[in-house]
Amino acid sequence: MVYYNANKLFTLLKTAKADGSYLKMIGKLEKQELLILDDFGLKALDNINRHALMEIIEDRHGKRSTIIASQLPVEAWHKMIGEQTIADAILDRLVHTAHRIDIKGESMRKKIKK
């Protein structure tokens, strides 16, 4: 199992592209039994991140489990991902085979603080 804040993962992947370790990192992500991406969608994806996400989801689809936590409603993910064809491909692999849990109510951080 491996956990990443989505924005930090995309930053790591960009760095990996620059230093030549990208394929190794993508391979590591593919092999994890469970990949957790937290805070997905806080920032729109650029072209590099969009393609990296597509590779990750494609490599894991039907083989390994992925949890994506987001405050952004799934209905808004297409626009956040960006380019229509890639967004369609990513969401097709994610949404149609997903177990979706919508949590409503006050933030746990607020409750704990009280």
PDB file of N, CA and C in Angstrom:
ATOM      1  N   MET A   1       0.843  -1.173   0.000  1.00  0.00           N
ATOM      2  CA  MET A   1       0.000   0.000   0.000  1.00  0.00           C
ATOM      3  C   MET A   1       0.891   1.239   0.000  1.00  0.00           C
ATOM      4  N   VAL A   2       0.444   2.244  -0.750  1.00  0.00           N
ATOM      5  CA  VAL A   2       1.164   3.511  -0.767  1.00  0.00           C
ATOM      6  C   VAL A   2       0.144   4.652  -0.810  1.00  0.00           C
ATOM      7  N   TYR A   3       0.457   5.724  -0.081  1.00  0.00           N
ATOM      8  CA  TYR A   3      -0.408   6.896   0.023  1.00  0.00           C
ATOM      9  C   TYR A   3       0.329   8.107  -0.529  1.00  0.00           C
ATOM     10  N   TYR A   4      -0.393   8.901  -1.331  1.00  0.00           N
ATOM     11  CA  TYR A   4       0.160  10.160  -1.829  1.00  0.00           C
ATOM     12  C   TYR A   4      -0.895  11.242  -1.803  1.00  0.00           C
ATOM     13  N   ASN A   5      -0.496  12.438  -1.448  1.00  0.00           N
ATOM     14  CA  ASN A   5      -1.285  13.610  -1.756  1.00  0.00           C
ATOM     15  C   ASN A   5      -1.157  13.758  -3.269  1.00  0.00           C
ATOM     16  N   ALA A   6      -2.255  13.922  -3.983  1.00  0.00           N
ATOM     17  CA  ALA A   6      -2.234  13.918  -5.447  1.00  0.00           C
ATOM     18  C   ALA A   6      -1.284  14.974  -6.021  1.00  0.00           C
ATOM     19  N   ASN A   7      -1.338  16.192  -5.500  1.00  0.00           N
ATOM     20  CA  ASN A   7      -0.467  17.243  -6.044  1.00  0.00           C
ATOM     21  C   ASN A   7       1.007  16.925  -5.821  1.00  0.00           C
ATOM     22  N   LYS A   8       1.331  16.357  -4.668  1.00  0.00           N
ATOM     23  CA  LYS A   8       2.723  15.991  -4.394  1.00  0.00           C
ATOM     24  C   LYS A   8       3.174  14.847  -5.301  1.00  0.00           C
ATOM     25  N   LEU A   9       2.277  13.896  -5.548  1.00  0.00           N
ATOM     26  CA  LEU A   9       2.626  12.805  -6.466  1.00  0.00           C
ATOM     27  C   LEU A   9       2.917  13.348  -7.856  1.00  0.00           C
ATOM     28  N   PHE A  10       2.080  14.251  -8.348  1.00  0.00           N
ATOM     29  CA  PHE A  10       2.305  14.799  -9.685  1.00  0.00           C
ATOM     30  C   PHE A  10       3.612  15.590  -9.745  1.00  0.00           C
ATOM     31  N   THR A  11       3.970  16.266  -8.669  1.00  0.00           N
ATOM     32  CA  THR A  11       5.261  16.965  -8.613  1.00  0.00           C
ATOM     33  C   THR A  11       6.410  15.962  -8.662  1.00  0.00           C
ATOM     34  N   LEU A  12       6.282  14.867  -7.899  1.00  0.00           N
ATOM     35  CA  LEU A  12       7.311  13.819  -7.924  1.00  0.00           C
ATOM     36  C   LEU A  12       7.452  13.205  -9.315  1.00  0.00           C
ATOM     37  N   LEU A  13       6.329  13.003  -9.990  1.00  0.00           N
ATOM     38  CA  LEU A  13       6.374  12.413 -11.332  1.00  0.00           C
ATOM     39  C   LEU A  13       7.043  13.354 -12.336  1.00  0.00           C
ATOM     40  N   LYS A  14       6.799  14.655 -12.208  1.00  0.00           N
ATOM     41  CA  LYS A  14       7.475  15.615 -13.089  1.00  0.00           C
ATOM     42  C   LYS A  14       8.981  15.587 -12.849  1.00  0.00           C
ATOM     43  N   THR A  15       9.368  15.515 -11.590  1.00  0.00           N
ATOM     44  CA  THR A  15      10.794  15.434 -11.251  1.00  0.00           C
ATOM     45  C   THR A  15      11.395  14.144 -11.805  1.00  0.00           C
ATOM     46  N   ALA A  16      10.645  13.058 -11.695  1.00  0.00           N
ATOM     47  CA  ALA A  16      11.109  11.770 -12.213  1.00  0.00           C
ATOM     48  C   ALA A  16      11.291  11.802 -13.729  1.00  0.00           C
ATOM     49  N   LYS A  17      10.405  12.522 -14.419  1.00  0.00           N
ATOM     50  CA  LYS A  17      10.575  12.675 -15.874  1.00  0.00           C
ATOM     51  C   LYS A  17      11.889  13.390 -16.175  1.00  0.00           C
ATOM     52  N   ALA A  18      12.181  14.416 -15.379  1.00  0.00           N
ATOM     53  CA  ALA A  18      13.385  15.213 -15.612  1.00  0.00           C
ATOM     54  C   ALA A  18      14.662  14.437 -15.315  1.00  0.00           C
ATOM     55  N   ASP A  19      14.630  13.566 -14.287  1.00  0.00           N
ATOM     56  CA  ASP A  19      15.865  12.864 -13.926  1.00  0.00           C
ATOM     57  C   ASP A  19      15.965  11.445 -14.482  1.00  0.00           C
ATOM     58  N   GLY A  20      14.971  11.039 -15.275  1.00  0.00           N
ATOM     59  CA  GLY A  20      15.041   9.742 -15.937  1.00  0.00           C
ATOM     60  C   GLY A  20      14.500   8.565 -15.143  1.00  0.00           C
ATOM     61  N   SER A  21      13.900   8.825 -13.987  1.00  0.00           N
ATOM     62  CA  SER A  21      13.395   7.716 -13.163  1.00  0.00           C
ATOM     63  C   SER A  21      11.873   7.532 -13.280  1.00  0.00           C
ATOM     64  N   TYR A  22      11.276   8.183 -14.263  1.00  0.00           N
ATOM     65  CA  TYR A  22       9.811   8.164 -14.424  1.00  0.00           C
ATOM     66  C   TYR A  22       9.263   6.749 -14.610  1.00  0.00           C
ATOM     67  N   LEU A  23       9.832   5.977 -15.519  1.00  0.00           N
ATOM     68  CA  LEU A  23       9.322   4.623 -15.777  1.00  0.00           C
ATOM     69  C   LEU A  23       9.447   3.732 -14.541  1.00  0.00           C
ATOM     70  N   LYS A  24      10.505   3.906 -13.797  1.00  0.00           N
ATOM     71  CA  LYS A  24      10.685   3.140 -12.564  1.00  0.00           C
ATOM     72  C   LYS A  24       9.594   3.498 -11.558  1.00  0.00           C
ATOM     73  N   MET A  25       9.305   4.788 -11.437  1.00  0.00           N
ATOM     74  CA  MET A  25       8.286   5.234 -10.484  1.00  0.00           C
ATOM     75  C   MET A  25       6.890   4.767 -10.908  1.00  0.00           C
ATOM     76  N   ILE A  26       6.595   4.873 -12.195  1.00  0.00           N
ATOM     77  CA  ILE A  26       5.302   4.400 -12.708  1.00  0.00           C
ATOM     78  C   ILE A  26       5.171   2.892 -12.473  1.00  0.00           C
ATOM     79  N   GLY A  27       6.250   2.159 -12.674  1.00  0.00           N
ATOM     80  CA  GLY A  27       6.249   0.719 -12.417  1.00  0.00           C
ATOM     81  C   GLY A  27       5.992   0.401 -10.956  1.00  0.00           C
ATOM     82  N   LYS A  28       6.580   1.187 -10.074  1.00  0.00           N
ATOM     83  CA  LYS A  28       6.366   1.002  -8.630  1.00  0.00           C
ATOM     84  C   LYS A  28       4.896   1.236  -8.282  1.00  0.00           C
ATOM     85  N   LEU A  29       4.315   2.284  -8.847  1.00  0.00           N
ATOM     86  CA  LEU A  29       2.903   2.583  -8.582  1.00  0.00           C
ATOM     87  C   LEU A  29       1.998   1.477  -9.111  1.00  0.00           C
ATOM     88  N   GLU A  30       2.342   0.929 -10.257  1.00  0.00           N
ATOM     89  CA  GLU A  30       1.534  -0.130 -10.858  1.00  0.00           C
ATOM     90  C   GLU A  30       1.508  -1.379  -9.973  1.00  0.00           C
ATOM     91  N   LYS A  31       2.598  -1.674  -9.302  1.00  0.00           N
ATOM     92  CA  LYS A  31       2.727  -2.913  -8.532  1.00  0.00           C
ATOM     93  C   LYS A  31       2.096  -2.855  -7.142  1.00  0.00           C
ATOM     94  N   GLN A  32       1.812  -1.656  -6.645  1.00  0.00           N
ATOM     95  CA  GLN A  32       1.233  -1.535  -5.309  1.00  0.00           C
ATOM     96  C   GLN A  32      -0.155  -2.160  -5.260  1.00  0.00           C
ATOM     97  N   GLU A  33      -0.414  -2.974  -4.256  1.00  0.00           N
ATOM     98  CA  GLU A  33      -1.737  -3.578  -4.117  1.00  0.00           C
ATOM     99  C   GLU A  33      -2.815  -2.514  -3.952  1.00  0.00           C
ATOM    100  N   LEU A  34      -2.481  -1.444  -3.219  1.00  0.00           N
ATOM    101  CA  LEU A  34      -3.422  -0.350  -2.999  1.00  0.00           C
ATOM    102  C   LEU A  34      -2.694   0.966  -3.163  1.00  0.00           C
ATOM    103  N   LEU A  35      -3.237   1.819  -4.009  1.00  0.00           N
ATOM    104  CA  LEU A  35      -2.736   3.178  -4.196  1.00  0.00           C
ATOM    105  C   LEU A  35      -3.807   4.133  -3.691  1.00  0.00           C
ATOM    106  N   ILE A  36      -3.438   5.002  -2.766  1.00  0.00           N
ATOM    107  CA  ILE A  36      -4.371   6.000  -2.242  1.00  0.00           C
ATOM    108  C   ILE A  36      -3.902   7.369  -2.709  1.00  0.00           C
ATOM    109  N   LEU A  37      -4.785   8.062  -3.435  1.00  0.00           N
ATOM    110  CA  LEU A  37      -4.530   9.438  -3.868  1.00  0.00           C
ATOM    111  C   LEU A  37      -5.474  10.340  -3.090  1.00  0.00           C
ATOM    112  N   ASP A  38      -4.915  11.202  -2.285  1.00  0.00           N
ATOM    113  CA  ASP A  38      -5.704  12.096  -1.440  1.00  0.00           C
ATOM    114  C   ASP A  38      -5.708  13.500  -2.023  1.00  0.00           C
ATOM    115  N   ASP A  39      -6.735  14.240  -1.707  1.00  0.00           N
ATOM    116  CA  ASP A  39      -6.893  15.632  -2.153  1.00  0.00           C
ATOM    117  C   ASP A  39      -6.838  15.770  -3.670  1.00  0.00           C
ATOM    118  N   PHE A  40      -7.388  14.796  -4.361  1.00  0.00           N
ATOM    119  CA  PHE A  40      -7.438  14.824  -5.826  1.00  0.00           C
ATOM    120  C   PHE A  40      -8.356  15.948  -6.284  1.00  0.00           C
ATOM    121  N   GLY A  41      -7.909  16.702  -7.261  1.00  0.00           N
ATOM    122  CA  GLY A  41      -8.749  17.726  -7.862  1.00  0.00           C
ATOM    123  C   GLY A  41      -8.654  19.105  -7.255  1.00  0.00           C
ATOM    124  N   LEU A  42      -7.729  19.305  -6.329  1.00  0.00           N
ATOM    125  CA  LEU A  42      -7.585  20.645  -5.764  1.00  0.00           C
ATOM    126  C   LEU A  42      -6.996  21.612  -6.786  1.00  0.00           C
ATOM    127  N   LYS A  43      -6.318  21.051  -7.776  1.00  0.00           N
ATOM    128  CA  LYS A  43      -5.682  21.847  -8.827  1.00  0.00           C
ATOM    129  C   LYS A  43      -5.937  21.158 -10.166  1.00  0.00           C
ATOM    130  N   ALA A  44      -6.291  21.933 -11.173  1.00  0.00           N
ATOM    131  CA  ALA A  44      -6.514  21.372 -12.514  1.00  0.00           C
ATOM    132  C   ALA A  44      -5.221  20.720 -13.011  1.00  0.00           C
ATOM    133  N   LEU A  45      -5.374  19.664 -13.791  1.00  0.00           N
ATOM    134  CA  LEU A  45      -4.201  18.949 -14.304  1.00  0.00           C
ATOM    135  C   LEU A  45      -3.661  19.618 -15.559  1.00  0.00           C
ATOM    136  N   ASP A  46      -2.346  19.717 -15.632  1.00  0.00           N
ATOM    137  CA  ASP A  46      -1.726  20.180 -16.870  1.00  0.00           C
ATOM    138  C   ASP A  46      -1.491  18.951 -17.759  1.00  0.00           C
ATOM    139  N   ASN A  47      -0.946  19.168 -18.919  1.00  0.00           N
ATOM    140  CA  ASN A  47      -0.786  18.089 -19.892  1.00  0.00           C
ATOM    141  C   ASN A  47       0.085  16.941 -19.367  1.00  0.00           C
ATOM    142  N   ILE A  48       1.175  17.268 -18.700  1.00  0.00           N
ATOM    143  CA  ILE A  48       2.072  16.236 -18.178  1.00  0.00           C
ATOM    144  C   ILE A  48       1.362  15.407 -17.113  1.00  0.00           C
ATOM    145  N   ASN A  49       0.690  16.081 -16.179  1.00  0.00           N
ATOM    146  CA  ASN A  49      -0.004  15.369 -15.101  1.00  0.00           C
ATOM    147  C   ASN A  49      -1.185  14.558 -15.619  1.00  0.00           C
ATOM    148  N   ARG A  50      -1.859  15.080 -16.598  1.00  0.00           N
ATOM    149  CA  ARG A  50      -2.997  14.375 -17.213  1.00  0.00           C
ATOM    150  C   ARG A  50      -2.528  13.049 -17.822  1.00  0.00           C
ATOM    151  N   HIS A  51      -1.418  13.087 -18.553  1.00  0.00           N
ATOM    152  CA  HIS A  51      -0.886  11.869 -19.173  1.00  0.00           C
ATOM    153  C   HIS A  51      -0.346  10.900 -18.118  1.00  0.00           C
ATOM    154  N   ALA A  52       0.269  11.435 -17.072  1.00  0.00           N
ATOM    155  CA  ALA A  52       0.767  10.577 -15.993  1.00  0.00           C
ATOM    156  C   ALA A  52      -0.398   9.867 -15.304  1.00  0.00           C
ATOM    157  N   LEU A  53      -1.465  10.593 -15.018  1.00  0.00           N
ATOM    158  CA  LEU A  53      -2.640   9.977 -14.396  1.00  0.00           C
ATOM    159  C   LEU A  53      -3.217   8.900 -15.298  1.00  0.00           C
ATOM    160  N   MET A  54      -3.269   9.167 -16.589  1.00  0.00           N
ATOM    161  CA  MET A  54      -3.778   8.171 -17.526  1.00  0.00           C
ATOM    162  C   MET A  54      -2.929   6.905 -17.476  1.00  0.00           C
ATOM    163  N   GLU A  55      -1.609   7.058 -17.453  1.00  0.00           N
ATOM    164  CA  GLU A  55      -0.724   5.888 -17.373  1.00  0.00           C
ATOM    165  C   GLU A  55      -0.956   5.100 -16.091  1.00  0.00           C
ATOM    166  N   ILE A  56      -1.055   5.806 -14.981  1.00  0.00           N
ATOM    167  CA  ILE A  56      -1.256   5.143 -13.690  1.00  0.00           C
ATOM    168  C   ILE A  56      -2.564   4.368 -13.679  1.00  0.00           C
ATOM    169  N   ILE A  57      -3.639   5.022 -14.089  1.00  0.00           N
ATOM    170  CA  ILE A  57      -4.956   4.387 -14.062  1.00  0.00           C
ATOM    171  C   ILE A  57      -5.011   3.231 -15.063  1.00  0.00           C
ATOM    172  N   GLU A  58      -4.458   3.419 -16.236  1.00  0.00           N
ATOM    173  CA  GLU A  58      -4.441   2.361 -17.247  1.00  0.00           C
ATOM    174  C   GLU A  58      -3.667   1.141 -16.751  1.00  0.00           C
ATOM    175  N   ASP A  59      -2.494   1.375 -16.147  1.00  0.00           N
ATOM    176  CA  ASP A  59      -1.672   0.269 -15.658  1.00  0.00           C
ATOM    177  C   ASP A  59      -2.347  -0.505 -14.530  1.00  0.00           C
ATOM    178  N   ARG A  60      -3.120   0.177 -13.700  1.00  0.00           N
ATOM    179  CA  ARG A  60      -3.735  -0.449 -12.531  1.00  0.00           C
ATOM    180  C   ARG A  60      -5.133  -1.001 -12.804  1.00  0.00           C
ATOM    181  N   HIS A  61      -5.781  -0.523 -13.846  1.00  0.00           N
ATOM    182  CA  HIS A  61      -7.177  -0.873 -14.124  1.00  0.00           C
ATOM    183  C   HIS A  61      -7.383  -2.385 -14.208  1.00  0.00           C
ATOM    184  N   GLY A  62      -8.294  -2.880 -13.377  1.00  0.00           N
ATOM    185  CA  GLY A  62      -8.628  -4.298 -13.382  1.00  0.00           C
ATOM    186  C   GLY A  62      -7.603  -5.193 -12.708  1.00  0.00           C
ATOM    187  N   LYS A  63      -6.526  -4.610 -12.185  1.00  0.00           N
ATOM    188  CA  LYS A  63      -5.456  -5.407 -11.577  1.00  0.00           C
ATOM    189  C   LYS A  63      -5.262  -5.105 -10.092  1.00  0.00           C
ATOM    190  N   ARG A  64      -5.306  -3.849  -9.754  1.00  0.00           N
ATOM    191  CA  ARG A  64      -5.005  -3.396  -8.396  1.00  0.00           C
ATOM    192  C   ARG A  64      -6.055  -2.378  -7.950  1.00  0.00           C
ATOM    193  N   SER A  65      -6.135  -2.187  -6.643  1.00  0.00           N
ATOM    194  CA  SER A  65      -7.123  -1.248  -6.081  1.00  0.00           C
ATOM    195  C   SER A  65      -6.542   0.156  -5.960  1.00  0.00           C
ATOM    196  N   THR A  66      -7.390   1.130  -6.212  1.00  0.00           N
ATOM    197  CA  THR A  66      -7.019   2.537  -6.106  1.00  0.00           C
ATOM    198  C   THR A  66      -8.124   3.270  -5.363  1.00  0.00           C
ATOM    199  N   ILE A  67      -7.746   4.034  -4.359  1.00  0.00           N
ATOM    200  CA  ILE A  67      -8.692   4.880  -3.643  1.00  0.00           C
ATOM    201  C   ILE A  67      -8.356   6.321  -3.996  1.00  0.00           C
ATOM    202  N   ILE A  68      -9.373   7.060  -4.414  1.00  0.00           N
ATOM    203  CA  ILE A  68      -9.185   8.472  -4.707  1.00  0.00           C
ATOM    204  C   ILE A  68     -10.115   9.259  -3.786  1.00  0.00           C
ATOM    205  N   ALA A  69      -9.502  10.092  -2.957  1.00  0.00           N
ATOM    206  CA  ALA A  69     -10.266  10.942  -2.047  1.00  0.00           C
ATOM    207  C   ALA A  69     -10.251  12.366  -2.596  1.00  0.00           C
ATOM    208  N   SER A  70     -11.432  12.965  -2.646  1.00  0.00           N
ATOM    209  CA  SER A  70     -11.547  14.294  -3.235  1.00  0.00           C
ATOM    210  C   SER A  70     -12.698  15.055  -2.621  1.00  0.00           C
ATOM    211  N   GLN A  71     -12.504  16.343  -2.449  1.00  0.00           N
ATOM    212  CA  GLN A  71     -13.609  17.202  -2.033  1.00  0.00           C
ATOM    213  C   GLN A  71     -14.382  17.701  -3.248  1.00  0.00           C
ATOM    214  N   LEU A  72     -13.821  17.491  -4.411  1.00  0.00           N
ATOM    215  CA  LEU A  72     -14.449  17.890  -5.666  1.00  0.00           C
ATOM    216  C   LEU A  72     -15.432  16.802  -6.090  1.00  0.00           C
ATOM    217  N   PRO A  73     -16.672  17.160  -6.385  1.00  0.00           N
ATOM    218  CA  PRO A  73     -17.637  16.135  -6.823  1.00  0.00           C
ATOM    219  C   PRO A  73     -17.167  15.456  -8.108  1.00  0.00           C
ATOM    220  N   VAL A  74     -17.437  14.174  -8.210  1.00  0.00           N
ATOM    221  CA  VAL A  74     -17.028  13.398  -9.381  1.00  0.00           C
ATOM    222  C   VAL A  74     -17.511  14.060 -10.674  1.00  0.00           C
ATOM    223  N   GLU A  75     -18.667  14.678 -10.628  1.00  0.00           N
ATOM    224  CA  GLU A  75     -19.226  15.338 -11.818  1.00  0.00           C
ATOM    225  C   GLU A  75     -18.314  16.460 -12.334  1.00  0.00           C
ATOM    226  N   ALA A  76     -17.433  16.978 -11.481  1.00  0.00           N
ATOM    227  CA  ALA A  76     -16.533  18.069 -11.876  1.00  0.00           C
ATOM    228  C   ALA A  76     -15.145  17.571 -12.280  1.00  0.00           C
ATOM    229  N   TRP A  77     -14.888  16.273 -12.164  1.00  0.00           N
ATOM    230  CA  TRP A  77     -13.564  15.738 -12.470  1.00  0.00           C
ATOM    231  C   TRP A  77     -13.204  15.888 -13.939  1.00  0.00           C
ATOM    232  N   HIS A  78     -14.170  15.727 -14.816  1.00  0.00           N
ATOM    233  CA  HIS A  78     -13.896  15.814 -16.260  1.00  0.00           C
ATOM    234  C   HIS A  78     -13.267  17.166 -16.593  1.00  0.00           C
ATOM    235  N   LYS A  79     -13.868  18.216 -16.093  1.00  0.00           N
ATOM    236  CA  LYS A  79     -13.354  19.565 -16.359  1.00  0.00           C
ATOM    237  C   LYS A  79     -11.977  19.765 -15.712  1.00  0.00           C
ATOM    238  N   MET A  80     -11.784  19.244 -14.510  1.00  0.00           N
ATOM    239  CA  MET A  80     -10.520  19.394 -13.802  1.00  0.00           C
ATOM    240  C   MET A  80      -9.394  18.631 -14.514  1.00  0.00           C
ATOM    241  N   ILE A  81      -9.709  17.456 -15.043  1.00  0.00           N
ATOM    242  CA  ILE A  81      -8.695  16.677 -15.765  1.00  0.00           C
ATOM    243  C   ILE A  81      -8.281  17.407 -17.035  1.00  0.00           C
ATOM    244  N   GLY A  82      -9.262  17.990 -17.711  1.00  0.00           N
ATOM    245  CA  GLY A  82      -8.929  18.839 -18.851  1.00  0.00           C
ATOM    246  C   GLY A  82      -9.275  18.233 -20.186  1.00  0.00           C
ATOM    247  N   GLU A  83      -8.315  17.896 -20.968  1.00  0.00           N
ATOM    248  CA  GLU A  83      -8.488  17.454 -22.354  1.00  0.00           C
ATOM    249  C   GLU A  83      -9.531  16.336 -22.431  1.00  0.00           C
ATOM    250  N   GLN A  84     -10.546  16.541 -23.253  1.00  0.00           N
ATOM    251  CA  GLN A  84     -11.740  15.701 -23.271  1.00  0.00           C
ATOM    252  C   GLN A  84     -11.462  14.218 -23.507  1.00  0.00           C
ATOM    253  N   THR A  85     -10.668  13.885 -24.489  1.00  0.00           N
ATOM    254  CA  THR A  85     -10.433  12.482 -24.822  1.00  0.00           C
ATOM    255  C   THR A  85      -9.756  11.742 -23.676  1.00  0.00           C
ATOM    256  N   ILE A  86      -8.744  12.355 -23.088  1.00  0.00           N
ATOM    257  CA  ILE A  86      -8.037  11.718 -21.978  1.00  0.00           C
ATOM    258  C   ILE A  86      -8.931  11.674 -20.742  1.00  0.00           C
ATOM    259  N   ALA A  87      -9.663  12.744 -20.486  1.00  0.00           N
ATOM    260  CA  ALA A  87     -10.584  12.752 -19.345  1.00  0.00           C
ATOM    261  C   ALA A  87     -11.615  11.636 -19.486  1.00  0.00           C
ATOM    262  N   ASP A  88     -12.157  11.457 -20.689  1.00  0.00           N
ATOM    263  CA  ASP A  88     -13.109  10.367 -20.933  1.00  0.00           C
ATOM    264  C   ASP A  88     -12.484   9.010 -20.631  1.00  0.00           C
ATOM    265  N   ALA A  89     -11.264   8.803 -21.092  1.00  0.00           N
ATOM    266  CA  ALA A  89     -10.584   7.522 -20.903  1.00  0.00           C
ATOM    267  C   ALA A  89     -10.304   7.254 -19.419  1.00  0.00           C
ATOM    268  N   ILE A  90      -9.827   8.257 -18.706  1.00  0.00           N
ATOM    269  CA  ILE A  90      -9.542   8.107 -17.278  1.00  0.00           C
ATOM    270  C   ILE A  90     -10.821   7.815 -16.507  1.00  0.00           C
ATOM    271  N   LEU A  91     -11.838   8.623 -16.750  1.00  0.00           N
ATOM    272  CA  LEU A  91     -13.087   8.464 -16.002  1.00  0.00           C
ATOM    273  C   LEU A  91     -13.797   7.165 -16.351  1.00  0.00           C
ATOM    274  N   ASP A  92     -13.682   6.724 -17.581  1.00  0.00           N
ATOM    275  CA  ASP A  92     -14.277   5.443 -17.963  1.00  0.00           C
ATOM    276  C   ASP A  92     -13.677   4.317 -17.125  1.00  0.00           C
ATOM    277  N   ARG A  93     -12.378   4.362 -16.925  1.00  0.00           N
ATOM    278  CA  ARG A  93     -11.708   3.324 -16.148  1.00  0.00           C
ATOM    279  C   ARG A  93     -11.976   3.456 -14.655  1.00  0.00           C
ATOM    280  N   LEU A  94     -12.139   4.675 -14.185  1.00  0.00           N
ATOM    281  CA  LEU A  94     -12.352   4.902 -12.754  1.00  0.00           C
ATOM    282  C   LEU A  94     -13.803   4.727 -12.315  1.00  0.00           C
ATOM    283  N   VAL A  95     -14.680   5.441 -12.950  1.00  0.00           N
ATOM    284  CA  VAL A  95     -16.052   5.582 -12.452  1.00  0.00           C
ATOM    285  C   VAL A  95     -16.893   4.324 -12.639  1.00  0.00           C
ATOM    286  N   HIS A  96     -16.746   3.654 -13.750  1.00  0.00           N
ATOM    287  CA  HIS A  96     -17.649   2.546 -14.059  1.00  0.00           C
ATOM    288  C   HIS A  96     -17.353   1.268 -13.285  1.00  0.00           C
ATOM    289  N   THR A  97     -16.183   1.173 -12.694  1.00  0.00           N
ATOM    290  CA  THR A  97     -15.863  -0.008 -11.896  1.00  0.00           C
ATOM    291  C   THR A  97     -15.669   0.350 -10.420  1.00  0.00           C
ATOM    292  N   ALA A  98     -16.053   1.561 -10.035  1.00  0.00           N
ATOM    293  CA  ALA A  98     -15.777   2.067  -8.692  1.00  0.00           C
ATOM    294  C   ALA A  98     -16.884   1.736  -7.694  1.00  0.00           C
ATOM    295  N   HIS A  99     -16.479   1.685  -6.461  1.00  0.00           N
ATOM    296  CA  HIS A  99     -17.401   1.698  -5.334  1.00  0.00           C
ATOM    297  C   HIS A  99     -17.300   3.119  -4.801  1.00  0.00           C
ATOM    298  N   ARG A 100     -18.349   3.869  -4.949  1.00  0.00           N
ATOM    299  CA  ARG A 100     -18.310   5.288  -4.614  1.00  0.00           C
ATOM    300  C   ARG A 100     -18.955   5.523  -3.263  1.00  0.00           C
ATOM    301  N   ILE A 101     -18.261   6.285  -2.437  1.00  0.00           N
ATOM    302  CA  ILE A 101     -18.768   6.630  -1.122  1.00  0.00           C
ATOM    303  C   ILE A 101     -18.792   8.152  -1.030  1.00  0.00           C
ATOM    304  N   ASP A 102     -19.981   8.715  -0.931  1.00  0.00           N
ATOM    305  CA  ASP A 102     -20.128  10.161  -0.759  1.00  0.00           C
ATOM    306  C   ASP A 102     -20.344  10.423   0.729  1.00  0.00           C
ATOM    307  N   ILE A 103     -19.480  11.228   1.286  1.00  0.00           N
ATOM    308  CA  ILE A 103     -19.575  11.540   2.707  1.00  0.00           C
ATOM    309  C   ILE A 103     -20.085  12.960   2.848  1.00  0.00           C
ATOM    310  N   LYS A 104     -21.084  13.108   3.662  1.00  0.00           N
ATOM    311  CA  LYS A 104     -21.670  14.429   3.890  1.00  0.00           C
ATOM    312  C   LYS A 104     -21.488  14.790   5.354  1.00  0.00           C
ATOM    313  N   GLY A 105     -21.581  16.065   5.636  1.00  0.00           N
ATOM    314  CA  GLY A 105     -21.475  16.501   7.024  1.00  0.00           C
ATOM    315  C   GLY A 105     -20.256  17.363   7.253  1.00  0.00           C
ATOM    316  N   GLU A 106     -20.097  17.682   8.506  1.00  0.00           N
ATOM    317  CA  GLU A 106     -19.028  18.570   8.907  1.00  0.00           C
ATOM    318  C   GLU A 106     -17.667  17.871   8.781  1.00  0.00           C
ATOM    319  N   SER A 107     -16.652  18.640   8.482  1.00  0.00           N
ATOM    320  CA  SER A 107     -15.287  18.134   8.357  1.00  0.00           C
ATOM    321  C   SER A 107     -14.840  17.497   9.669  1.00  0.00           C
ATOM    322  N   MET A 108     -14.164  16.353   9.575  1.00  0.00           N
ATOM    323  CA  MET A 108     -13.621  15.704  10.766  1.00  0.00           C
ATOM    324  C   MET A 108     -12.573  16.590  11.438  1.00  0.00           C
ATOM    325  N   ARG A 109     -11.841  17.370  10.671  1.00  0.00           N
ATOM    326  CA  ARG A 109     -10.844  18.277  11.253  1.00  0.00           C
ATOM    327  C   ARG A 109     -11.531  19.303  12.140  1.00  0.00           C
ATOM    328  N   LYS A 110     -12.686  19.804  11.726  1.00  0.00           N
ATOM    329  CA  LYS A 110     -13.436  20.756  12.539  1.00  0.00           C
ATOM    330  C   LYS A 110     -13.963  20.096  13.812  1.00  0.00           C
ATOM    331  N   LYS A 111     -14.465  18.861  13.677  1.00  0.00           N
ATOM    332  CA  LYS A 111     -15.005  18.135  14.831  1.00  0.00           C
ATOM    333  C   LYS A 111     -13.920  17.851  15.854  1.00  0.00           C
ATOM    334  N   ILE A 112     -12.747  17.448  15.389  1.00  0.00           N
ATOM    335  CA  ILE A 112     -11.645  17.131  16.287  1.00  0.00           C
ATOM    336  C   ILE A 112     -11.163  18.383  17.011  1.00  0.00           C
ATOM    337  N   LYS A 113     -11.146  19.502  16.295  1.00  0.00           N
ATOM    338  CA  LYS A 113     -10.687  20.767  16.855  1.00  0.00           C
ATOM    339  C   LYS A 113     -11.591  21.219  17.997  1.00  0.00           C
ATOM    340  N   LYS A 114     -12.903  20.953  17.877  1.00  0.00           N
ATOM    341  CA  LYS A 114     -13.855  21.354  18.915  1.00  0.00           C
ATOM    342  C   LYS A 114     -13.580  20.557  20.162  1.00  0.00           C
TER     343      LYS A 114
END
